[in-house]
All heavy atoms as atom14 arrays in JSON, in Angstrom:
{
  "sequence": "QIKEKISNPVIRDIAGISFVNGLIEDVMVCVAQCNPGKVNAALCTQAM",
  "atom14_mask": [
    [1, 1, 1, 1, 1, 1, 1, 1, 1, 0, 0, 0, 0, 0],
    [1, 1, 1, 1, 1, 1, 1, 1, 0, 0, 0, 0, 0, 0],
    [1, 1, 1, 1, 1, 1, 1, 1, 1, 0, 0, 0, 0, 0],
    [1, 1, 1, 1, 1, 1, 1, 1, 1, 0, 0, 0, 0, 0],
    [1, 1, 1, 1, 1, 1, 1, 1, 1, 0, 0, 0, 0, 0],
    [1, 1, 1, 1, 1, 1, 1, 1, 0, 0, 0, 0, 0, 0],
    [1, 1, 1, 1, 1, 1, 0, 0, 0, 0, 0, 0, 0, 0],
    [1, 1, 1, 1, 1, 1, 1, 1, 0, 0, 0, 0, 0, 0],
    [1, 1, 1, 1, 1, 1, 1, 0, 0, 0, 0, 0, 0, 0],
    [1, 1, 1, 1, 1, 1, 1, 0, 0, 0, 0, 0, 0, 0],
    [1, 1, 1, 1, 1, 1, 1, 1, 0, 0, 0, 0, 0, 0],
    [1, 1, 1, 1, 1, 1, 1, 1, 1, 1, 1, 0, 0, 0],
    [1, 1, 1, 1, 1, 1, 1, 1, 0, 0, 0, 0, 0, 0],
    [1, 1, 1, 1, 1, 1, 1, 1, 0, 0, 0, 0, 0, 0],
    [1, 1, 1, 1, 1, 0, 0, 0, 0, 0, 0, 0, 0, 0],
    [1, 1, 1, 1, 0, 0, 0, 0, 0, 0, 0, 0, 0, 0],
    [1, 1, 1, 1, 1, 1, 1, 1, 0, 0, 0, 0, 0, 0],
    [1, 1, 1, 1, 1, 1, 0, 0, 0, 0, 0, 0, 0, 0],
    [1, 1, 1, 1, 1, 1, 1, 1, 1, 1, 1, 0, 0, 0],
    [1, 1, 1, 1, 1, 1, 1, 0, 0, 0, 0, 0, 0, 0],
    [1, 1, 1, 1, 1, 1, 1, 1, 0, 0, 0, 0, 0, 0],
    [1, 1, 1, 1, 0, 0, 0, 0, 0, 0, 0, 0, 0, 0],
    [1, 1, 1, 1, 1, 1, 1, 1, 0, 0, 0, 0, 0, 0],
    [1, 1, 1, 1, 1, 1, 1, 1, 0, 0, 0, 0, 0, 0],
    [1, 1, 1, 1, 1, 1, 1, 1, 1, 0, 0, 0, 0, 0],
    [1, 1, 1, 1, 1, 1, 1, 1, 0, 0, 0, 0, 0, 0],
    [1, 1, 1, 1, 1, 1, 1, 0, 0, 0, 0, 0, 0, 0],
    [1, 1, 1, 1, 1, 1, 1, 1, 0, 0, 0, 0, 0, 0],
    [1, 1, 1, 1, 1, 1, 1, 0, 0, 0, 0, 0, 0, 0],
    [1, 1, 1, 1, 1, 1, 0, 0, 0, 0, 0, 0, 0, 0],
    [1, 1, 1, 1, 1, 1, 1, 0, 0, 0, 0, 0, 0, 0],
    [1, 1, 1, 1, 1, 0, 0, 0, 0, 0, 0, 0, 0, 0],
    [1, 1, 1, 1, 1, 1, 1, 1, 1, 0, 0, 0, 0, 0],
    [1, 1, 1, 1, 1, 1, 0, 0, 0, 0, 0, 0, 0, 0],
    [1, 1, 1, 1, 1, 1, 1, 1, 0, 0, 0, 0, 0, 0],
    [1, 1, 1, 1, 1, 1, 1, 0, 0, 0, 0, 0, 0, 0],
    [1, 1, 1, 1, 0, 0, 0, 0, 0, 0, 0, 0, 0, 0],
    [1, 1, 1, 1, 1, 1, 1, 1, 1, 0, 0, 0, 0, 0],
    [1, 1, 1, 1, 1, 1, 1, 0, 0, 0, 0, 0, 0, 0],
    [1, 1, 1, 1, 1, 1, 1, 1, 0, 0, 0, 0, 0, 0],
    [1, 1, 1, 1, 1, 0, 0, 0, 0, 0, 0, 0, 0, 0],
    [1, 1, 1, 1, 1, 0, 0, 0, 0, 0, 0, 0, 0, 0],
    [1, 1, 1, 1, 1, 1, 1, 1, 0, 0, 0, 0, 0, 0],
    [1, 1, 1, 1, 1, 1, 0, 0, 0, 0, 0, 0, 0, 0],
    [1, 1, 1, 1, 1, 1, 1, 0, 0, 0, 0, 0, 0, 0],
    [1, 1, 1, 1, 1, 1, 1, 1, 1, 0, 0, 0, 0, 0],
    [1, 1, 1, 1, 1, 0, 0, 0, 0, 0, 0, 0, 0, 0],
    [1, 1, 1, 1, 1, 1, 1, 1, 0, 0, 0, 0, 0, 0]
  ],
  "atom14_positions": [
    [[141.66, 150.88, -41.58], [140.35, 151.44, -41.21], [139.18, 150.46, -41.77], [138.18, 150.44, -41.26], [140.14, 152.83, -41.79], [141.06, 153.78, -41.04], [140.72, 155.35, -41.52], [139.6, 155.71, -41.7], [141.89, 156.06, -41.99], [0.0, 0.0, 0.0], [0.0, 0.0, 0.0], [0.0, 0.0, 0.0], [0.0, 0.0, 0.0], [0.0, 0.0, 0.0]],
    [[139.44, 149.85, -42.93], [138.53, 148.92, -43.57], [138.39, 147.78, -42.69], [137.41, 147.32, -42.41], [138.98, 148.6, -44.97], [139.16, 149.87, -45.87], [137.92, 147.68, -45.65], [139.77, 149.61, -47.18], [0.0, 0.0, 0.0], [0.0, 0.0, 0.0], [0.0, 0.0, 0.0], [0.0, 0.0, 0.0], [0.0, 0.0, 0.0], [0.0, 0.0, 0.0]],
    [[139.59, 147.21, -42.33], [139.49, 146.01, -41.31], [138.72, 146.33, -40.14], [138.03, 145.29, -39.63], [140.9, 145.56, -40.99], [141.74, 144.98, -42.14], [143.2, 144.64, -41.64], [144.0, 144.02, -42.68], [145.37, 143.75, -42.2], [0.0, 0.0, 0.0], [0.0, 0.0, 0.0], [0.0, 0.0, 0.0], [0.0, 0.0, 0.0], [0.0, 0.0, 0.0]],
    [[138.86, 147.48, -39.58], [138.14, 147.82, -38.29], [136.71, 147.91, -38.52], [136.0, 147.83, -37.5], [138.65, 149.18, -37.84], [140.13, 149.14, -37.32], [140.78, 150.46, -37.07], [140.11, 151.42, -37.34], [141.88, 150.46, -36.49], [0.0, 0.0, 0.0], [0.0, 0.0, 0.0], [0.0, 0.0, 0.0], [0.0, 0.0, 0.0], [0.0, 0.0, 0.0]],
    [[136.19, 148.01, -39.81], [134.77, 148.11, -40.02], [134.15, 146.64, -40.2], [132.87, 146.57, -40.19], [134.47, 148.82, -41.38], [134.94, 150.26, -41.38], [133.97, 151.12, -40.44], [134.24, 152.61, -40.54], [133.32, 153.43, -39.76], [0.0, 0.0, 0.0], [0.0, 0.0, 0.0], [0.0, 0.0, 0.0], [0.0, 0.0, 0.0], [0.0, 0.0, 0.0]],
    [[134.9, 145.71, -40.14], [134.44, 144.3, -40.37], [133.81, 143.71, -39.08], [134.32, 143.76, -38.0], [135.57, 143.41, -40.84], [136.2, 143.74, -42.22], [135.09, 141.9, -40.95], [137.3, 143.05, -42.77], [0.0, 0.0, 0.0], [0.0, 0.0, 0.0], [0.0, 0.0, 0.0], [0.0, 0.0, 0.0], [0.0, 0.0, 0.0], [0.0, 0.0, 0.0]],
    [[132.46, 143.22, -39.26], [131.76, 142.63, -38.08], [132.38, 141.15, -37.9], [132.49, 140.35, -38.96], [130.4, 142.56, -38.4], [129.87, 143.78, -38.64], [0.0, 0.0, 0.0], [0.0, 0.0, 0.0], [0.0, 0.0, 0.0], [0.0, 0.0, 0.0], [0.0, 0.0, 0.0], [0.0, 0.0, 0.0], [0.0, 0.0, 0.0], [0.0, 0.0, 0.0]],
    [[132.61, 140.79, -36.75], [132.97, 139.49, -36.36], [134.11, 138.92, -37.37], [133.91, 137.92, -38.0], [131.72, 138.42, -36.4], [130.73, 138.9, -35.35], [131.1, 139.24, -34.24], [129.53, 138.96, -35.87], [0.0, 0.0, 0.0], [0.0, 0.0, 0.0], [0.0, 0.0, 0.0], [0.0, 0.0, 0.0], [0.0, 0.0, 0.0], [0.0, 0.0, 0.0]],
    [[135.19, 139.54, -37.32], [136.26, 139.24, -38.4], [136.92, 137.76, -38.16], [137.0, 137.48, -37.03], [137.24, 140.33, -38.24], [137.09, 140.8, -36.79], [135.61, 140.75, -36.62], [0.0, 0.0, 0.0], [0.0, 0.0, 0.0], [0.0, 0.0, 0.0], [0.0, 0.0, 0.0], [0.0, 0.0, 0.0], [0.0, 0.0, 0.0], [0.0, 0.0, 0.0]],
    [[137.05, 137.14, -39.23], [137.76, 135.84, -39.13], [139.11, 136.01, -39.95], [139.17, 136.44, -41.04], [136.97, 134.75, -39.74], [137.7, 133.46, -39.87], [135.59, 134.51, -39.11], [0.0, 0.0, 0.0], [0.0, 0.0, 0.0], [0.0, 0.0, 0.0], [0.0, 0.0, 0.0], [0.0, 0.0, 0.0], [0.0, 0.0, 0.0], [0.0, 0.0, 0.0]],
    [[140.21, 135.76, -39.11], [141.52, 136.01, -39.73], [142.16, 134.57, -40.09], [142.18, 133.73, -39.17], [142.42, 136.71, -38.69], [141.74, 138.04, -38.48], [143.84, 136.98, -39.38], [142.51, 138.94, -37.19], [0.0, 0.0, 0.0], [0.0, 0.0, 0.0], [0.0, 0.0, 0.0], [0.0, 0.0, 0.0], [0.0, 0.0, 0.0], [0.0, 0.0, 0.0]],
    [[142.75, 134.59, -41.34], [143.44, 133.34, -41.71], [144.74, 133.9, -42.35], [144.82, 134.72, -43.16], [142.68, 132.62, -42.79], [143.21, 131.29, -43.17], [142.42, 130.51, -44.07], [143.02, 129.42, -44.66], [142.58, 128.62, -45.64], [141.49, 128.8, -46.18], [143.23, 127.5, -45.98], [0.0, 0.0, 0.0], [0.0, 0.0, 0.0], [0.0, 0.0, 0.0]],
    [[145.87, 133.29, -41.8], [147.24, 133.63, -42.27], [147.61, 132.58, -43.31], [147.62, 131.5, -43.12], [148.17, 133.65, -41.15], [147.96, 134.77, -40.18], [147.35, 135.82, -40.59], [148.44, 134.81, -39.08], [0.0, 0.0, 0.0], [0.0, 0.0, 0.0], [0.0, 0.0, 0.0], [0.0, 0.0, 0.0], [0.0, 0.0, 0.0], [0.0, 0.0, 0.0]],
    [[148.04, 133.15, -44.52], [148.51, 132.31, -45.64], [149.82, 132.96, -46.14], [149.76, 134.09, -46.61], [147.54, 132.05, -46.77], [146.13, 131.54, -46.22], [148.02, 131.2, -47.9], [145.01, 131.47, -47.27], [0.0, 0.0, 0.0], [0.0, 0.0, 0.0], [0.0, 0.0, 0.0], [0.0, 0.0, 0.0], [0.0, 0.0, 0.0], [0.0, 0.0, 0.0]],
    [[150.88, 132.21, -46.23], [152.17, 132.79, -46.91], [152.59, 134.14, -46.29], [153.03, 134.98, -46.87], [152.0, 132.83, -48.36], [0.0, 0.0, 0.0], [0.0, 0.0, 0.0], [0.0, 0.0, 0.0], [0.0, 0.0, 0.0], [0.0, 0.0, 0.0], [0.0, 0.0, 0.0], [0.0, 0.0, 0.0], [0.0, 0.0, 0.0], [0.0, 0.0, 0.0]],
    [[152.38, 134.27, -44.88], [152.7, 135.36, -44.29], [151.85, 136.5, -44.43], [152.17, 137.67, -43.9], [0.0, 0.0, 0.0], [0.0, 0.0, 0.0], [0.0, 0.0, 0.0], [0.0, 0.0, 0.0], [0.0, 0.0, 0.0], [0.0, 0.0, 0.0], [0.0, 0.0, 0.0], [0.0, 0.0, 0.0], [0.0, 0.0, 0.0], [0.0, 0.0, 0.0]],
    [[150.6, 136.44, -44.91], [149.67, 137.47, -45.17], [148.47, 137.09, -44.43], [147.92, 135.92, -44.43], [149.35, 137.56, -46.72], [150.56, 137.96, -47.47], [148.29, 138.69, -46.87], [150.43, 137.74, -48.9], [0.0, 0.0, 0.0], [0.0, 0.0, 0.0], [0.0, 0.0, 0.0], [0.0, 0.0, 0.0], [0.0, 0.0, 0.0], [0.0, 0.0, 0.0]],
    [[147.94, 138.06, -43.65], [146.66, 138.01, -42.92], [145.42, 138.4, -43.72], [145.41, 139.48, -44.16], [146.71, 138.85, -41.66], [147.6, 138.19, -40.79], [0.0, 0.0, 0.0], [0.0, 0.0, 0.0], [0.0, 0.0, 0.0], [0.0, 0.0, 0.0], [0.0, 0.0, 0.0], [0.0, 0.0, 0.0], [0.0, 0.0, 0.0], [0.0, 0.0, 0.0]],
    [[144.58, 137.47, -43.96], [143.35, 137.71, -44.78], [142.24, 137.75, -43.69], [141.98, 136.78, -42.98], [143.01, 136.69, -45.68], [144.08, 136.48, -46.93], [145.27, 135.71, -46.48], [143.92, 137.1, -48.04], [146.28, 135.7, -47.64], [144.93, 137.11, -49.05], [146.05, 136.35, -48.85], [0.0, 0.0, 0.0], [0.0, 0.0, 0.0], [0.0, 0.0, 0.0]],
    [[141.54, 139.0, -43.68], [140.5, 139.27, -42.71], [139.16, 139.15, -43.48], [138.87, 139.92, -44.4], [140.72, 140.7, -42.08], [139.68, 140.9, -41.0], [142.05, 140.76, -41.38], [0.0, 0.0, 0.0], [0.0, 0.0, 0.0], [0.0, 0.0, 0.0], [0.0, 0.0, 0.0], [0.0, 0.0, 0.0], [0.0, 0.0, 0.0], [0.0, 0.0, 0.0]],
    [[138.29, 138.33, -42.97], [137.04, 138.02, -43.69], [135.84, 138.41, -42.66], [135.92, 138.18, -41.49], [136.9, 136.55, -44.06], [137.87, 136.17, -45.12], [137.62, 136.14, -46.31], [139.04, 135.72, -44.62], [0.0, 0.0, 0.0], [0.0, 0.0, 0.0], [0.0, 0.0, 0.0], [0.0, 0.0, 0.0], [0.0, 0.0, 0.0], [0.0, 0.0, 0.0]],
    [[134.81, 138.99, -43.23], [133.58, 139.16, -42.56], [132.66, 140.17, -43.27], [132.9, 140.36, -44.48], [0.0, 0.0, 0.0], [0.0, 0.0, 0.0], [0.0, 0.0, 0.0], [0.0, 0.0, 0.0], [0.0, 0.0, 0.0], [0.0, 0.0, 0.0], [0.0, 0.0, 0.0], [0.0, 0.0, 0.0], [0.0, 0.0, 0.0], [0.0, 0.0, 0.0]],
    [[131.8, 140.75, -42.59], [130.8, 141.59, -43.24], [131.06, 143.08, -42.92], [131.36, 143.55, -41.76], [129.44, 141.26, -42.7], [128.85, 139.89, -43.16], [127.51, 139.57, -42.37], [128.5, 139.93, -44.67], [0.0, 0.0, 0.0], [0.0, 0.0, 0.0], [0.0, 0.0, 0.0], [0.0, 0.0, 0.0], [0.0, 0.0, 0.0], [0.0, 0.0, 0.0]],
    [[130.93, 143.97, -43.89], [130.79, 145.29, -43.8], [129.53, 145.78, -44.49], [129.38, 145.5, -45.72], [131.93, 146.06, -44.43], [133.22, 145.64, -43.83], [131.83, 147.55, -44.3], [134.52, 146.29, -44.46], [0.0, 0.0, 0.0], [0.0, 0.0, 0.0], [0.0, 0.0, 0.0], [0.0, 0.0, 0.0], [0.0, 0.0, 0.0], [0.0, 0.0, 0.0]],
    [[128.53, 146.41, -43.82], [127.32, 146.79, -44.4], [126.56, 145.64, -45.05], [126.03, 145.76, -46.21], [127.46, 147.88, -45.4], [128.21, 149.22, -44.83], [127.19, 150.0, -44.11], [125.96, 149.68, -44.12], [127.66, 150.98, -43.47], [0.0, 0.0, 0.0], [0.0, 0.0, 0.0], [0.0, 0.0, 0.0], [0.0, 0.0, 0.0], [0.0, 0.0, 0.0]],
    [[126.63, 144.47, -44.38], [125.96, 143.19, -44.89], [126.6, 142.75, -46.2], [126.05, 141.95, -46.9], [124.51, 143.38, -45.15], [123.86, 143.62, -43.72], [124.1, 142.97, -42.71], [122.87, 144.44, -43.68], [0.0, 0.0, 0.0], [0.0, 0.0, 0.0], [0.0, 0.0, 0.0], [0.0, 0.0, 0.0], [0.0, 0.0, 0.0], [0.0, 0.0, 0.0]],
    [[127.83, 143.34, -46.68], [128.51, 142.84, -47.78], [129.77, 142.04, -47.26], [130.57, 142.48, -46.53], [129.12, 143.89, -48.64], [129.86, 143.45, -49.81], [127.93, 144.75, -49.02], [0.0, 0.0, 0.0], [0.0, 0.0, 0.0], [0.0, 0.0, 0.0], [0.0, 0.0, 0.0], [0.0, 0.0, 0.0], [0.0, 0.0, 0.0], [0.0, 0.0, 0.0]],
    [[129.94, 140.69, -47.71], [130.97, 139.89, -47.37], [132.32, 140.37, -48.09], [132.3, 140.56, -49.43], [130.74, 138.45, -47.78], [131.8, 137.58, -47.36], [132.15, 137.46, -45.55], [130.58, 136.58, -45.11], [0.0, 0.0, 0.0], [0.0, 0.0, 0.0], [0.0, 0.0, 0.0], [0.0, 0.0, 0.0], [0.0, 0.0, 0.0], [0.0, 0.0, 0.0]],
    [[133.38, 140.6, -47.29], [134.54, 141.06, -47.84], [135.67, 140.28, -47.27], [135.66, 139.63, -46.39], [134.79, 142.63, -47.43], [133.81, 143.46, -47.96], [134.85, 142.72, -45.97], [0.0, 0.0, 0.0], [0.0, 0.0, 0.0], [0.0, 0.0, 0.0], [0.0, 0.0, 0.0], [0.0, 0.0, 0.0], [0.0, 0.0, 0.0], [0.0, 0.0, 0.0]],
    [[136.83, 140.27, -48.15], [138.15, 139.72, -47.63], [139.14, 140.79, -47.92], [139.28, 141.24, -48.95], [138.47, 138.47, -48.51], [140.08, 137.72, -48.19], [0.0, 0.0, 0.0], [0.0, 0.0, 0.0], [0.0, 0.0, 0.0], [0.0, 0.0, 0.0], [0.0, 0.0, 0.0], [0.0, 0.0, 0.0], [0.0, 0.0, 0.0], [0.0, 0.0, 0.0]],
    [[139.81, 141.2, -46.81], [140.74, 142.42, -46.88], [142.11, 141.89, -46.54], [142.35, 141.02, -45.61], [140.29, 143.49, -45.96], [141.25, 144.69, -46.04], [138.93, 143.91, -46.19], [0.0, 0.0, 0.0], [0.0, 0.0, 0.0], [0.0, 0.0, 0.0], [0.0, 0.0, 0.0], [0.0, 0.0, 0.0], [0.0, 0.0, 0.0], [0.0, 0.0, 0.0]],
    [[143.03, 142.33, -47.26], [144.53, 141.95, -47.01], [145.51, 142.99, -47.27], [145.39, 143.84, -48.17], [144.86, 140.73, -47.95], [0.0, 0.0, 0.0], [0.0, 0.0, 0.0], [0.0, 0.0, 0.0], [0.0, 0.0, 0.0], [0.0, 0.0, 0.0], [0.0, 0.0, 0.0], [0.0, 0.0, 0.0], [0.0, 0.0, 0.0], [0.0, 0.0, 0.0]],
    [[146.55, 143.1, -46.44], [147.6, 143.87, -46.66], [148.74, 143.14, -47.31], [149.31, 142.23, -46.59], [148.12, 144.6, -45.42], [149.34, 145.4, -45.44], [150.02, 145.85, -44.17], [149.31, 145.86, -43.08], [151.19, 146.27, -44.22], [0.0, 0.0, 0.0], [0.0, 0.0, 0.0], [0.0, 0.0, 0.0], [0.0, 0.0, 0.0], [0.0, 0.0, 0.0]],
    [[149.09, 143.33, -48.56], [150.04, 142.47, -49.25], [151.48, 142.86, -49.06], [152.39, 141.89, -49.3], [149.81, 142.64, -50.76], [150.04, 144.19, -51.56], [0.0, 0.0, 0.0], [0.0, 0.0, 0.0], [0.0, 0.0, 0.0], [0.0, 0.0, 0.0], [0.0, 0.0, 0.0], [0.0, 0.0, 0.0], [0.0, 0.0, 0.0], [0.0, 0.0, 0.0]],
    [[151.82, 144.14, -48.64], [153.07, 144.66, -48.4], [153.64, 145.16, -49.93], [153.17, 144.61, -50.72], [154.18, 143.79, -47.85], [153.89, 143.45, -46.34], [153.58, 144.34, -45.54], [153.89, 142.21, -46.01], [0.0, 0.0, 0.0], [0.0, 0.0, 0.0], [0.0, 0.0, 0.0], [0.0, 0.0, 0.0], [0.0, 0.0, 0.0], [0.0, 0.0, 0.0]],
    [[154.45, 146.2, -49.93], [154.82, 146.79, -51.24], [155.57, 145.89, -52.14], [156.36, 144.93, -51.63], [155.62, 148.09, -50.64], [155.33, 148.34, -49.3], [155.04, 146.89, -48.77], [0.0, 0.0, 0.0], [0.0, 0.0, 0.0], [0.0, 0.0, 0.0], [0.0, 0.0, 0.0], [0.0, 0.0, 0.0], [0.0, 0.0, 0.0], [0.0, 0.0, 0.0]],
    [[155.31, 146.05, -53.39], [156.05, 145.37, -54.4], [155.2, 144.42, -55.25], [154.21, 143.87, -54.72], [0.0, 0.0, 0.0], [0.0, 0.0, 0.0], [0.0, 0.0, 0.0], [0.0, 0.0, 0.0], [0.0, 0.0, 0.0], [0.0, 0.0, 0.0], [0.0, 0.0, 0.0], [0.0, 0.0, 0.0], [0.0, 0.0, 0.0], [0.0, 0.0, 0.0]],
    [[155.66, 144.22, -56.46], [154.79, 143.36, -57.38], [154.77, 141.88, -56.95], [153.71, 141.36, -57.1], [155.4, 143.45, -58.77], [155.21, 144.89, -59.52], [156.06, 145.02, -60.68], [155.84, 143.96, -61.68], [156.81, 143.95, -62.82], [0.0, 0.0, 0.0], [0.0, 0.0, 0.0], [0.0, 0.0, 0.0], [0.0, 0.0, 0.0], [0.0, 0.0, 0.0]],
    [[155.89, 141.32, -56.45], [155.68, 139.92, -56.02], [154.85, 139.69, -54.85], [154.02, 138.85, -54.88], [157.21, 139.4, -55.79], [157.03, 137.92, -55.2], [158.05, 139.41, -56.99], [0.0, 0.0, 0.0], [0.0, 0.0, 0.0], [0.0, 0.0, 0.0], [0.0, 0.0, 0.0], [0.0, 0.0, 0.0], [0.0, 0.0, 0.0], [0.0, 0.0, 0.0]],
    [[155.01, 140.64, -53.92], [154.09, 140.5, -52.69], [152.58, 140.66, -53.13], [151.68, 139.91, -52.59], [154.45, 141.58, -51.66], [155.68, 141.32, -51.04], [156.11, 140.21, -50.69], [156.44, 142.39, -50.54], [0.0, 0.0, 0.0], [0.0, 0.0, 0.0], [0.0, 0.0, 0.0], [0.0, 0.0, 0.0], [0.0, 0.0, 0.0], [0.0, 0.0, 0.0]],
    [[152.32, 141.66, -54.03], [151.01, 141.71, -54.47], [150.5, 140.58, -55.31], [149.33, 140.24, -55.13], [151.06, 142.96, -55.59], [0.0, 0.0, 0.0], [0.0, 0.0, 0.0], [0.0, 0.0, 0.0], [0.0, 0.0, 0.0], [0.0, 0.0, 0.0], [0.0, 0.0, 0.0], [0.0, 0.0, 0.0], [0.0, 0.0, 0.0], [0.0, 0.0, 0.0]],
    [[151.28, 140.04, -56.16], [150.79, 138.87, -56.94], [150.62, 137.62, -55.86], [149.66, 136.92, -56.07], [151.92, 138.44, -57.95], [0.0, 0.0, 0.0], [0.0, 0.0, 0.0], [0.0, 0.0, 0.0], [0.0, 0.0, 0.0], [0.0, 0.0, 0.0], [0.0, 0.0, 0.0], [0.0, 0.0, 0.0], [0.0, 0.0, 0.0], [0.0, 0.0, 0.0]],
    [[151.51, 137.41, -54.99], [151.36, 136.37, -54.07], [150.08, 136.5, -53.37], [149.31, 135.41, -53.13], [152.57, 136.44, -53.1], [152.58, 135.4, -51.9], [152.61, 134.01, -52.43], [153.63, 135.67, -50.81], [0.0, 0.0, 0.0], [0.0, 0.0, 0.0], [0.0, 0.0, 0.0], [0.0, 0.0, 0.0], [0.0, 0.0, 0.0], [0.0, 0.0, 0.0]],
    [[149.74, 137.67, -52.81], [148.62, 137.97, -52.03], [147.28, 137.83, -52.93], [146.43, 137.08, -52.5], [148.58, 139.44, -51.56], [147.12, 139.95, -50.63], [0.0, 0.0, 0.0], [0.0, 0.0, 0.0], [0.0, 0.0, 0.0], [0.0, 0.0, 0.0], [0.0, 0.0, 0.0], [0.0, 0.0, 0.0], [0.0, 0.0, 0.0], [0.0, 0.0, 0.0]],
    [[147.4, 138.26, -54.17], [146.2, 138.04, -55.13], [145.86, 136.58, -55.37], [144.69, 136.08, -55.27], [146.47, 138.86, -56.36], [146.78, 140.17, -56.03], [145.13, 138.92, -57.19], [0.0, 0.0, 0.0], [0.0, 0.0, 0.0], [0.0, 0.0, 0.0], [0.0, 0.0, 0.0], [0.0, 0.0, 0.0], [0.0, 0.0, 0.0], [0.0, 0.0, 0.0]],
    [[147.01, 135.72, -55.68], [146.68, 134.42, -56.02], [146.2, 133.61, -54.77], [145.31, 132.75, -54.91], [147.91, 133.71, -56.54], [147.62, 132.36, -57.13], [146.68, 132.49, -58.43], [147.1, 133.08, -59.3], [145.76, 131.71, -58.35], [0.0, 0.0, 0.0], [0.0, 0.0, 0.0], [0.0, 0.0, 0.0], [0.0, 0.0, 0.0], [0.0, 0.0, 0.0]],
    [[146.63, 133.98, -53.65], [146.32, 133.2, -52.42], [144.77, 133.59, -52.16], [143.93, 132.79, -51.79], [147.15, 133.72, -51.29], [0.0, 0.0, 0.0], [0.0, 0.0, 0.0], [0.0, 0.0, 0.0], [0.0, 0.0, 0.0], [0.0, 0.0, 0.0], [0.0, 0.0, 0.0], [0.0, 0.0, 0.0], [0.0, 0.0, 0.0], [0.0, 0.0, 0.0]],
    [[144.46, 134.94, -52.36], [143.04, 135.36, -52.12], [142.1, 134.59, -53.03], [140.94, 134.07, -52.57], [142.95, 136.93, -52.32], [141.55, 137.39, -51.97], [141.41, 139.29, -52.08], [142.25, 139.63, -50.43], [0.0, 0.0, 0.0], [0.0, 0.0, 0.0], [0.0, 0.0, 0.0], [0.0, 0.0, 0.0], [0.0, 0.0, 0.0], [0.0, 0.0, 0.0]]
  ]
}
């Protein structure tokens, strides 16, 4: 639902994770689904 709120989203795939960038309410955001688990979460965070 957060991704769907992004205006003119730009998607970049890194290490199997899609990072969606753009504006929500004039605020620049980067949104990602890391998949469950600590390693997935750490991988996503460092890439972001």
